[in-house]
């Protein structure tokens, strides 16, 4: 009996060693998306299903109908977009003589020059971004969305929110797919081990807003804090357009303001940039 038990233990040990060499502790086969990325350049997030706005809520008919009605209402009530070409570093925001419910900030970060190969832009450092006087144009209850990259911007972005009088309340993460153009990044961070395929948008809140009593201003739990969308490509600063849908579905305020937009004019919004 002891010999039989010893033989079974040896077989089990050899099996565990074999499975460990195969990169899994399970006897069931697993898809190795990391190795597939190394071999083909297709990112693992390319294989996540039902990420588009058109099919994300197929199994939730009530939520799908709600979003459909909200989109129709926004389309009917939105005013034509407005744009002001100016130098944001020297422009006094108080000259706008208006307060906004939502502010979206897309600063041209120095990080993009290293990771995206963009060289035809004048990039800002975080001291310049923090110097933007957004507190002068933010309503007493309002939200700010700040694109902050994927490295030191997460900490610097929080400092900016505090400087502008906002409290960080959410971190929206954009996971970039490369289905249309698979391959490896042309520019890699110095001393980096992994390739960056995500970007963060910090959300800040000013004033007191409660979902239980402020239904006239916010509509919570409609979207999630994750965007899975195609990477615009090497040399582009364009952001995921889904961020506009998240903002519109969440905040019912009609006064929106975008700083340094990359050429995309959203209906009902005011845009400023170089």
Foldseek 3Di string as FASTA:
>chain_A
DVVVVVVVVVVVVVVCVVQVVVPDRDPDDDDDQVVVCVVWLFHPLVPDPLQDPVRVCVVPVVLNVVLVVLVVVCVVPFAAEAEDEDAQLPDDPLVVVAAFQEEEEQAQAPVCCQFQVADPDDHDYLVSVLPRQNLSRHDQKHKYKYWQFDPCSVVSVCVSCVSNQWHWDDKAKEFAGAPPHGDAGPGDDVVDDDRDRMTIITMTIHHDDDVVPVVVFFDPDSDDSYHYYHDPHRNDSADDPCVVSVVSNTTVTQEYEYEAHPPDTDGSYYYYYD
